[in-house]
Amino acid sequence: MNLDDIFVPYLTQLFSEYLEDMEFSVEDAQEKGSEFFVVWLNETVTDPSSDEDEDEERTPEGDALFVLLSFLHDSPDHLWINDFWPMLLLAQRGMPRNKISELHISYVIRWADDRLFSFVCVVPPYLVSPKGILSDYLVTKIGHISATQFHDIIASTSLDVLHDNQQIKIPREDIDAVLQLAIDGAEQENQLSRRGELQNAIAFLRSAVIPPIPPEADAKARASLSGGGFGKGRWDVFPVKRPQDDE
């Protein structure tokens, strides 16, 4: 059974009923905490197995109920809900005011010999339902799915196989040279405002294709590795900001 396809929608519906029954807002539910929701589930959800006909056909909702009852009976410490709690809160946040026109997530591996592997997840808003709407929940879910797919690609092959399948080498210097050509072209633009727009676009492309290592990430990574070796260090992931973000 795929929990994302069957159990998560079922649990999300129960969470909506929980908010309505308790007259809670999402903020109220977050303040009360996940354990309060589990207590409500224990008091509300019943096991219909004694009333079921053995020959009755199984349904997705019945499968989801079985999973939920297993969680409730086998995990009295409520820890199971922690894997779903952030998603439940996001799913109730509602639609954002600002409409997203595009979402894509990229993973790039560069080897020492300048071979590149890129994995890109692209989600046009017109493919989602409701039409054209990408909510906070959907965006985070897509991010999770893309990370899982990227993991599966490496797990099912290997980094060496991916390397050997890449036939083209693209040195960073060549990408930098292409960006420099774009910079030179932007400088030829006579209209000052348009030149600034082109320069912003080039800065964005540079941060996406050859991102610099943020100084705070480099400093913390080096500090965590000092005296401990690479096997014991802790690496954090830091967002890469465009130059104009700090202006």
C-alpha atoms as a PDB file:
ATOM      1  CA  MET A   1       0.000   0.000   0.000  1.00  0.00           C
ATOM      2  CA  ASN A   2       1.240   3.478  -0.882  1.00  0.00           C
ATOM      3  CA  LEU A   3       0.645   5.677   2.162  1.00  0.00           C
ATOM      4  CA  ASP A   4       0.811   8.850   0.075  1.00  0.00           C
ATOM      5  CA  ASP A   5      -1.952   7.687  -2.252  1.00  0.00           C
ATOM      6  CA  ILE A   6      -4.347   6.101   0.236  1.00  0.00           C
ATOM      7  CA  PHE A   7      -3.580   6.832   3.875  1.00  0.00           C
ATOM      8  CA  VAL A   8      -2.486  10.476   3.679  1.00  0.00           C
ATOM      9  CA  PRO A   9      -5.692  11.740   1.963  1.00  0.00           C
ATOM     10  CA  TYR A  10      -7.744   9.758   4.490  1.00  0.00           C
ATOM     11  CA  LEU A  11      -5.821  11.191   7.445  1.00  0.00           C
ATOM     12  CA  THR A  12      -6.074  14.688   5.965  1.00  0.00           C
ATOM     13  CA  GLN A  13      -9.862  14.346   5.766  1.00  0.00           C
ATOM     14  CA  LEU A  14      -9.971  13.215   9.392  1.00  0.00           C
ATOM     15  CA  PHE A  15      -7.867  16.207  10.382  1.00  0.00           C
ATOM     16  CA  SER A  16     -10.364  18.509   8.646  1.00  0.00           C
ATOM     17  CA  GLU A  17     -13.176  16.860  10.610  1.00  0.00           C
ATOM     18  CA  TYR A  18     -11.131  17.268  13.783  1.00  0.00           C
ATOM     19  CA  LEU A  19     -10.751  21.009  13.205  1.00  0.00           C
ATOM     20  CA  GLU A  20     -14.487  21.353  12.535  1.00  0.00           C
ATOM     21  CA  ASP A  21     -15.501  19.208  15.499  1.00  0.00           C
ATOM     22  CA  MET A  22     -13.218  21.055  17.932  1.00  0.00           C
ATOM     23  CA  GLU A  23     -13.893  24.445  16.290  1.00  0.00           C
ATOM     24  CA  PHE A  24     -10.133  24.893  15.929  1.00  0.00           C
ATOM     25  CA  SER A  25      -8.174  26.978  13.498  1.00  0.00           C
ATOM     26  CA  VAL A  26      -4.931  25.543  12.131  1.00  0.00           C
ATOM     27  CA  GLU A  27      -3.096  27.778  14.587  1.00  0.00           C
ATOM     28  CA  ASP A  28      -5.175  26.351  17.461  1.00  0.00           C
ATOM     29  CA  ALA A  29      -4.357  22.800  16.374  1.00  0.00           C
ATOM     30  CA  GLN A  30      -0.674  23.608  16.106  1.00  0.00           C
ATOM     31  CA  GLU A  31      -0.693  25.120  19.600  1.00  0.00           C
ATOM     32  CA  LYS A  32      -2.514  22.107  21.057  1.00  0.00           C
ATOM     33  CA  GLY A  33      -0.040  19.763  19.423  1.00  0.00           C
ATOM     34  CA  SER A  34      -0.241  16.473  17.570  1.00  0.00           C
ATOM     35  CA  GLU A  35      -0.988  14.344  20.656  1.00  0.00           C
ATOM     36  CA  PHE A  36      -4.309  16.125  21.124  1.00  0.00           C
ATOM     37  CA  PHE A  37      -5.304  15.075  17.598  1.00  0.00           C
ATOM     38  CA  VAL A  38      -4.317  11.458  18.314  1.00  0.00           C
ATOM     39  CA  VAL A  39      -6.470  11.487  21.451  1.00  0.00           C
ATOM     40  CA  TRP A  40      -9.390  12.689  19.307  1.00  0.00           C
ATOM     41  CA  LEU A  41      -8.720   9.901  16.803  1.00  0.00           C
ATOM     42  CA  ASN A  42      -8.795   7.286  19.553  1.00  0.00           C
ATOM     43  CA  GLU A  43     -12.127   8.631  20.776  1.00  0.00           C
ATOM     44  CA  THR A  44     -13.670   9.061  17.326  1.00  0.00           C
ATOM     45  CA  VAL A  45     -12.444   6.303  15.028  1.00  0.00           C
ATOM     46  CA  THR A  46     -14.010   2.905  15.616  1.00  0.00           C
ATOM     47  CA  ASP A  47     -12.979  -0.540  14.421  1.00  0.00           C
ATOM     48  CA  PRO A  48     -15.741  -1.925  12.178  1.00  0.00           C
ATOM     49  CA  SER A  49     -14.086  -5.336  11.753  1.00  0.00           C
ATOM     50  CA  SER A  50     -16.678  -7.103  13.922  1.00  0.00           C
ATOM     51  CA  ASP A  51     -19.475  -5.884  11.665  1.00  0.00           C
ATOM     52  CA  GLU A  52     -17.758  -6.625   8.367  1.00  0.00           C
ATOM     53  CA  ASP A  53     -18.796  -9.382   6.015  1.00  0.00           C
ATOM     54  CA  GLU A  54     -15.781 -11.577   5.272  1.00  0.00           C
ATOM     55  CA  ASP A  55     -16.726 -11.647   1.598  1.00  0.00           C
ATOM     56  CA  GLU A  56     -17.078  -7.872   1.376  1.00  0.00           C
ATOM     57  CA  GLU A  57     -14.771  -6.292  -1.207  1.00  0.00           C
ATOM     58  CA  ARG A  58     -11.864  -4.262   0.171  1.00  0.00           C
ATOM     59  CA  THR A  59     -11.847  -0.519  -0.482  1.00  0.00           C
ATOM     60  CA  PRO A  60      -9.081   2.099  -0.354  1.00  0.00           C
ATOM     61  CA  GLU A  61     -10.831   3.775   2.580  1.00  0.00           C
ATOM     62  CA  GLY A  62     -10.993   0.435   4.390  1.00  0.00           C
ATOM     63  CA  ASP A  63      -7.272  -0.098   3.793  1.00  0.00           C
ATOM     64  CA  ALA A  64      -6.517   3.395   5.109  1.00  0.00           C
ATOM     65  CA  LEU A  65      -8.655   2.747   8.204  1.00  0.00           C
ATOM     66  CA  PHE A  66      -6.749  -0.487   8.822  1.00  0.00           C
ATOM     67  CA  VAL A  67      -3.441   1.417   8.720  1.00  0.00           C
ATOM     68  CA  LEU A  68      -4.767   4.058  11.106  1.00  0.00           C
ATOM     69  CA  LEU A  69      -6.062   1.484  13.588  1.00  0.00           C
ATOM     70  CA  SER A  70      -2.687  -0.261  13.468  1.00  0.00           C
ATOM     71  CA  PHE A  71      -0.945   3.000  14.317  1.00  0.00           C
ATOM     72  CA  LEU A  72      -3.351   3.757  17.153  1.00  0.00           C
ATOM     73  CA  HIS A  73      -3.156   0.279  18.684  1.00  0.00           C
ATOM     74  CA  ASP A  74       0.548  -0.426  18.152  1.00  0.00           C
ATOM     75  CA  SER A  75       1.992   3.014  18.951  1.00  0.00           C
ATOM     76  CA  PRO A  76       0.572   4.247  22.259  1.00  0.00           C
ATOM     77  CA  ASP A  77       3.377   6.815  22.530  1.00  0.00           C
ATOM     78  CA  HIS A  78       1.837   8.808  19.617  1.00  0.00           C
ATOM     79  CA  LEU A  79       5.221   9.082  17.864  1.00  0.00           C
ATOM     80  CA  TRP A  80       3.787   7.834  14.567  1.00  0.00           C
ATOM     81  CA  ILE A  81       1.881  11.082  14.028  1.00  0.00           C
ATOM     82  CA  ASN A  82       5.123  13.096  13.910  1.00  0.00           C
ATOM     83  CA  ASP A  83       5.778  11.923  10.347  1.00  0.00           C
ATOM     84  CA  PHE A  84       2.439  13.343   9.192  1.00  0.00           C
ATOM     85  CA  TRP A  85       1.853  16.348  11.446  1.00  0.00           C
ATOM     86  CA  PRO A  86       3.679  19.037   9.369  1.00  0.00           C
ATOM     87  CA  MET A  87       1.872  17.849   6.251  1.00  0.00           C
ATOM     88  CA  LEU A  88      -1.527  17.990   7.969  1.00  0.00           C
ATOM     89  CA  LEU A  89      -0.937  21.570   9.074  1.00  0.00           C
ATOM     90  CA  LEU A  90       0.245  22.623   5.609  1.00  0.00           C
ATOM     91  CA  ALA A  91      -2.718  20.962   3.912  1.00  0.00           C
ATOM     92  CA  GLN A  92      -5.090  23.177   5.912  1.00  0.00           C
ATOM     93  CA  ARG A  93      -3.225  26.414   5.268  1.00  0.00           C
ATOM     94  CA  GLY A  94      -5.354  27.254   2.242  1.00  0.00           C
ATOM     95  CA  MET A  95      -4.413  28.648  -1.145  1.00  0.00           C
ATOM     96  CA  PRO A  96      -1.671  31.274  -1.378  1.00  0.00           C
ATOM     97  CA  ARG A  97      -2.564  34.792  -2.488  1.00  0.00           C
ATOM     98  CA  ASN A  98       0.234  34.862  -5.064  1.00  0.00           C
ATOM     99  CA  LYS A  99      -0.179  32.448  -7.958  1.00  0.00           C
ATOM    100  CA  ILE A 100       2.866  30.364  -8.906  1.00  0.00           C
ATOM    101  CA  SER A 101       3.614  30.278 -12.636  1.00  0.00           C
ATOM    102  CA  GLU A 102       6.322  27.613 -12.541  1.00  0.00           C
ATOM    103  CA  LEU A 103       8.006  25.142 -10.212  1.00  0.00           C
ATOM    104  CA  HIS A 104      11.106  23.150 -11.005  1.00  0.00           C
ATOM    105  CA  ILE A 105      13.620  21.466  -8.731  1.00  0.00           C
ATOM    106  CA  SER A 106      17.132  20.649  -9.953  1.00  0.00           C
ATOM    107  CA  TYR A 107      19.843  18.313  -8.731  1.00  0.00           C
ATOM    108  CA  VAL A 108      23.271  18.583 -10.357  1.00  0.00           C
ATOM    109  CA  ILE A 109      26.298  16.346  -9.855  1.00  0.00           C
ATOM    110  CA  ARG A 110      29.665  17.492 -11.210  1.00  0.00           C
ATOM    111  CA  TRP A 111      32.573  15.062 -11.266  1.00  0.00           C
ATOM    112  CA  ALA A 112      36.249  16.034 -11.126  1.00  0.00           C
ATOM    113  CA  ASP A 113      36.590  15.401 -14.874  1.00  0.00           C
ATOM    114  CA  ASP A 114      33.786  17.932 -15.567  1.00  0.00           C
ATOM    115  CA  ARG A 115      31.135  15.401 -16.547  1.00  0.00           C
ATOM    116  CA  LEU A 116      27.697  16.511 -15.365  1.00  0.00           C
ATOM    117  CA  PHE A 117      24.497  14.739 -14.398  1.00  0.00           C
ATOM    118  CA  SER A 118      21.334  16.772 -13.902  1.00  0.00           C
ATOM    119  CA  PHE A 119      17.944  15.638 -12.644  1.00  0.00           C
ATOM    120  CA  VAL A 120      15.148  18.163 -13.047  1.00  0.00           C
ATOM    121  CA  CYS A 121      11.588  17.897 -11.754  1.00  0.00           C
ATOM    122  CA  VAL A 122       9.248  20.298 -13.571  1.00  0.00           C
ATOM    123  CA  VAL A 123       5.621  20.821 -12.544  1.00  0.00           C
ATOM    124  CA  PRO A 124       3.526  23.146 -14.718  1.00  0.00           C
ATOM    125  CA  PRO A 125       0.633  24.527 -12.633  1.00  0.00           C
ATOM    126  CA  TYR A 126      -1.893  23.595 -15.356  1.00  0.00           C
ATOM    127  CA  LEU A 127      -1.249  19.919 -14.568  1.00  0.00           C
ATOM    128  CA  VAL A 128      -2.322  20.185 -10.921  1.00  0.00           C
ATOM    129  CA  SER A 129      -5.795  20.203  -9.420  1.00  0.00           C
ATOM    130  CA  PRO A 130      -7.426  22.629  -8.671  1.00  0.00           C
ATOM    131  CA  LYS A 131      -6.285  23.962 -12.028  1.00  0.00           C
ATOM    132  CA  GLY A 132      -3.301  26.272 -11.884  1.00  0.00           C
ATOM    133  CA  ILE A 133      -2.979  26.211  -8.087  1.00  0.00           C
ATOM    134  CA  LEU A 134       0.211  25.214  -6.294  1.00  0.00           C
ATOM    135  CA  SER A 135      -0.333  25.404  -2.544  1.00  0.00           C
ATOM    136  CA  ASP A 136       2.213  25.287   0.269  1.00  0.00           C
ATOM    137  CA  TYR A 137       1.335  21.637   0.786  1.00  0.00           C
ATOM    138  CA  LEU A 138       1.713  20.697  -2.882  1.00  0.00           C
ATOM    139  CA  VAL A 139       5.043  22.487  -3.255  1.00  0.00           C
ATOM    140  CA  THR A 140       6.537  20.739  -0.226  1.00  0.00           C
ATOM    141  CA  LYS A 141       5.082  17.408  -1.351  1.00  0.00           C
ATOM    142  CA  ILE A 142       6.612  17.808  -4.815  1.00  0.00           C
ATOM    143  CA  GLY A 143       9.944  18.649  -3.192  1.00  0.00           C
ATOM    144  CA  HIS A 144       9.744  15.473  -1.132  1.00  0.00           C
ATOM    145  CA  ILE A 145       8.827  13.370  -4.179  1.00  0.00           C
ATOM    146  CA  SER A 146      11.686  14.783  -6.250  1.00  0.00           C
ATOM    147  CA  ALA A 147      14.160  14.040  -3.456  1.00  0.00           C
ATOM    148  CA  THR A 148      12.862  10.465  -3.280  1.00  0.00           C
ATOM    149  CA  GLN A 149      13.185  10.068  -7.052  1.00  0.00           C
ATOM    150  CA  PHE A 150      16.737  11.412  -7.006  1.00  0.00           C
ATOM    151  CA  HIS A 151      17.595   8.998  -4.206  1.00  0.00           C
ATOM    152  CA  ASP A 152      16.101   6.106  -6.179  1.00  0.00           C
ATOM    153  CA  ILE A 153      18.130   6.961  -9.292  1.00  0.00           C
ATOM    154  CA  ILE A 154      21.401   6.725  -7.371  1.00  0.00           C
ATOM    155  CA  ALA A 155      20.315   3.728  -5.293  1.00  0.00           C
ATOM    156  CA  SER A 156      19.181   1.738  -8.334  1.00  0.00           C
ATOM    157  CA  THR A 157      22.334   2.436 -10.355  1.00  0.00           C
ATOM    158  CA  SER A 158      25.387   4.032  -8.765  1.00  0.00           C
ATOM    159  CA  LEU A 159      27.356   7.247  -9.033  1.00  0.00           C
ATOM    160  CA  ASP A 160      29.925   5.467 -11.189  1.00  0.00           C
ATOM    161  CA  VAL A 161      27.275   4.263 -13.634  1.00  0.00           C
ATOM    162  CA  LEU A 162      25.793   7.755 -13.835  1.00  0.00           C
ATOM    163  CA  HIS A 163      29.275   9.137 -14.495  1.00  0.00           C
ATOM    164  CA  ASP A 164      29.998   6.654 -17.278  1.00  0.00           C
ATOM    165  CA  ASN A 165      26.661   7.416 -18.955  1.00  0.00           C
ATOM    166  CA  GLN A 166      27.524  11.114 -19.300  1.00  0.00           C
ATOM    167  CA  GLN A 167      29.299  11.691 -22.615  1.00  0.00           C
ATOM    168  CA  ILE A 168      29.740  15.468 -22.507  1.00  0.00           C
ATOM    169  CA  LYS A 169      32.129  17.440 -20.330  1.00  0.00           C
ATOM    170  CA  ILE A 170      31.195  21.010 -19.386  1.00  0.00           C
ATOM    171  CA  PRO A 171      33.910  22.787 -17.379  1.00  0.00           C
ATOM    172  CA  ARG A 172      32.823  25.521 -14.983  1.00  0.00           C
ATOM    173  CA  GLU A 173      35.064  27.868 -16.935  1.00  0.00           C
ATOM    174  CA  ASP A 174      32.960  27.322 -20.070  1.00  0.00           C
ATOM    175  CA  ILE A 175      29.755  28.125 -18.200  1.00  0.00           C
ATOM    176  CA  ASP A 176      31.408  31.211 -16.755  1.00  0.00           C
ATOM    177  CA  ALA A 177      32.513  32.241 -20.261  1.00  0.00           C
ATOM    178  CA  VAL A 178      28.933  31.917 -21.549  1.00  0.00           C
ATOM    179  CA  LEU A 179      27.674  34.045 -18.672  1.00  0.00           C
ATOM    180  CA  GLN A 180      30.359  36.620 -19.405  1.00  0.00           C
ATOM    181  CA  LEU A 181      29.103  36.854 -22.989  1.00  0.00           C
ATOM    182  CA  ALA A 182      25.648  37.539 -21.551  1.00  0.00           C
ATOM    183  CA  ILE A 183      27.104  40.212 -19.270  1.00  0.00           C
ATOM    184  CA  ASP A 184      28.836  41.875 -22.206  1.00  0.00           C
ATOM    185  CA  GLY A 185      25.563  41.813 -24.139  1.00  0.00           C
ATOM    186  CA  ALA A 186      23.638  43.338 -21.247  1.00  0.00           C
ATOM    187  CA  GLU A 187      26.136  46.182 -20.992  1.00  0.00           C
ATOM    188  CA  GLN A 188      25.294  47.133 -24.573  1.00  0.00           C
ATOM    189  CA  GLU A 189      21.703  47.866 -23.556  1.00  0.00           C
ATOM    190  CA  ASN A 190      21.180  51.635 -23.621  1.00  0.00           C
ATOM    191  CA  GLN A 191      18.081  51.718 -21.441  1.00  0.00           C
ATOM    192  CA  LEU A 192      19.277  51.706 -17.846  1.00  0.00           C
ATOM    193  CA  SER A 193      16.232  49.939 -16.349  1.00  0.00           C
ATOM    194  CA  ARG A 194      16.340  47.212 -19.005  1.00  0.00           C
ATOM    195  CA  ARG A 195      20.076  46.736 -18.435  1.00  0.00           C
ATOM    196  CA  GLY A 196      19.401  46.207 -14.744  1.00  0.00           C
ATOM    197  CA  GLU A 197      16.738  43.602 -15.532  1.00  0.00           C
ATOM    198  CA  LEU A 198      19.159  41.694 -17.765  1.00  0.00           C
ATOM    199  CA  GLN A 199      21.863  41.819 -15.111  1.00  0.00           C
ATOM    200  CA  ASN A 200      19.431  40.447 -12.525  1.00  0.00           C
ATOM    201  CA  ALA A 201      18.588  37.575 -14.887  1.00  0.00           C
ATOM    202  CA  ILE A 202      22.277  36.795 -15.398  1.00  0.00           C
ATOM    203  CA  ALA A 203      22.928  36.857 -11.650  1.00  0.00           C
ATOM    204  CA  PHE A 204      20.057  34.411 -11.146  1.00  0.00           C
ATOM    205  CA  LEU A 205      21.405  32.065 -13.823  1.00  0.00           C
ATOM    206  CA  ARG A 206      24.854  32.163 -12.252  1.00  0.00           C
ATOM    207  CA  SER A 207      23.484  31.302  -8.792  1.00  0.00           C
ATOM    208  CA  ALA A 208      21.538  28.372 -10.294  1.00  0.00           C
ATOM    209  CA  VAL A 209      24.285  26.937 -12.520  1.00  0.00           C
ATOM    210  CA  ILE A 210      27.547  27.666 -10.697  1.00  0.00           C
ATOM    211  CA  PRO A 211      26.425  28.649  -7.199  1.00  0.00           C
ATOM    212  CA  PRO A 212      29.017  30.070  -4.826  1.00  0.00           C
ATOM    213  CA  ILE A 213      29.509  28.466  -1.433  1.00  0.00           C
ATOM    214  CA  PRO A 214      27.886  30.781   1.127  1.00  0.00           C
ATOM    215  CA  PRO A 215      30.585  32.013   3.541  1.00  0.00           C
ATOM    216  CA  GLU A 216      28.578  30.963   6.611  1.00  0.00           C
ATOM    217  CA  ALA A 217      28.180  27.433   5.243  1.00  0.00           C
ATOM    218  CA  ASP A 218      31.891  27.140   4.485  1.00  0.00           C
ATOM    219  CA  ALA A 219      32.880  28.433   7.934  1.00  0.00           C
ATOM    220  CA  LYS A 220      30.497  26.138   9.818  1.00  0.00           C
ATOM    221  CA  ALA A 221      31.426  23.112   7.730  1.00  0.00           C
ATOM    222  CA  ARG A 222      35.132  23.666   8.309  1.00  0.00           C
ATOM    223  CA  ALA A 223      34.563  24.177  12.032  1.00  0.00           C
ATOM    224  CA  SER A 224      32.578  20.958  12.300  1.00  0.00           C
ATOM    225  CA  LEU A 225      35.331  19.014  10.569  1.00  0.00           C
ATOM    226  CA  SER A 226      38.255  20.413  12.529  1.00  0.00           C
ATOM    227  CA  GLY A 227      40.112  17.582  14.184  1.00  0.00           C
ATOM    228  CA  GLY A 228      37.373  15.086  13.445  1.00  0.00           C
ATOM    229  CA  GLY A 229      37.968  14.052   9.856  1.00  0.00           C
ATOM    230  CA  PHE A 230      35.408  14.011   7.050  1.00  0.00           C
ATOM    231  CA  GLY A 231      33.760  10.872   8.366  1.00  0.00           C
ATOM    232  CA  LYS A 232      32.713  12.531  11.619  1.00  0.00           C
ATOM    233  CA  GLY A 233      31.849  16.033  10.454  1.00  0.00           C
ATOM    234  CA  ARG A 234      28.361  17.455  10.101  1.00  0.00           C
ATOM    235  CA  TRP A 235      27.471  19.298   6.916  1.00  0.00           C
ATOM    236  CA  ASP A 236      24.531  21.678   6.830  1.00  0.00           C
ATOM    237  CA  VAL A 237      22.726  22.770   3.671  1.00  0.00           C
ATOM    238  CA  PHE A 238      22.466  26.513   3.228  1.00  0.00           C
ATOM    239  CA  PRO A 239      20.383  28.370   0.627  1.00  0.00           C
ATOM    240  CA  VAL A 240      22.354  30.224  -2.011  1.00  0.00           C
ATOM    241  CA  LYS A 241      21.298  33.834  -2.288  1.00  0.00           C
ATOM    242  CA  ARG A 242      21.542  35.985  -5.367  1.00  0.00           C
ATOM    243  CA  PRO A 243      23.844  39.017  -5.065  1.00  0.00           C
ATOM    244  CA  GLN A 244      20.975  41.527  -5.098  1.00  0.00           C
ATOM    245  CA  ASP A 245      19.251  39.774  -2.169  1.00  0.00           C
ATOM    246  CA  ASP A 246      21.673  41.462   0.218  1.00  0.00           C
ATOM    247  CA  GLU A 247      21.360  44.904  -1.322  1.00  0.00           C
END
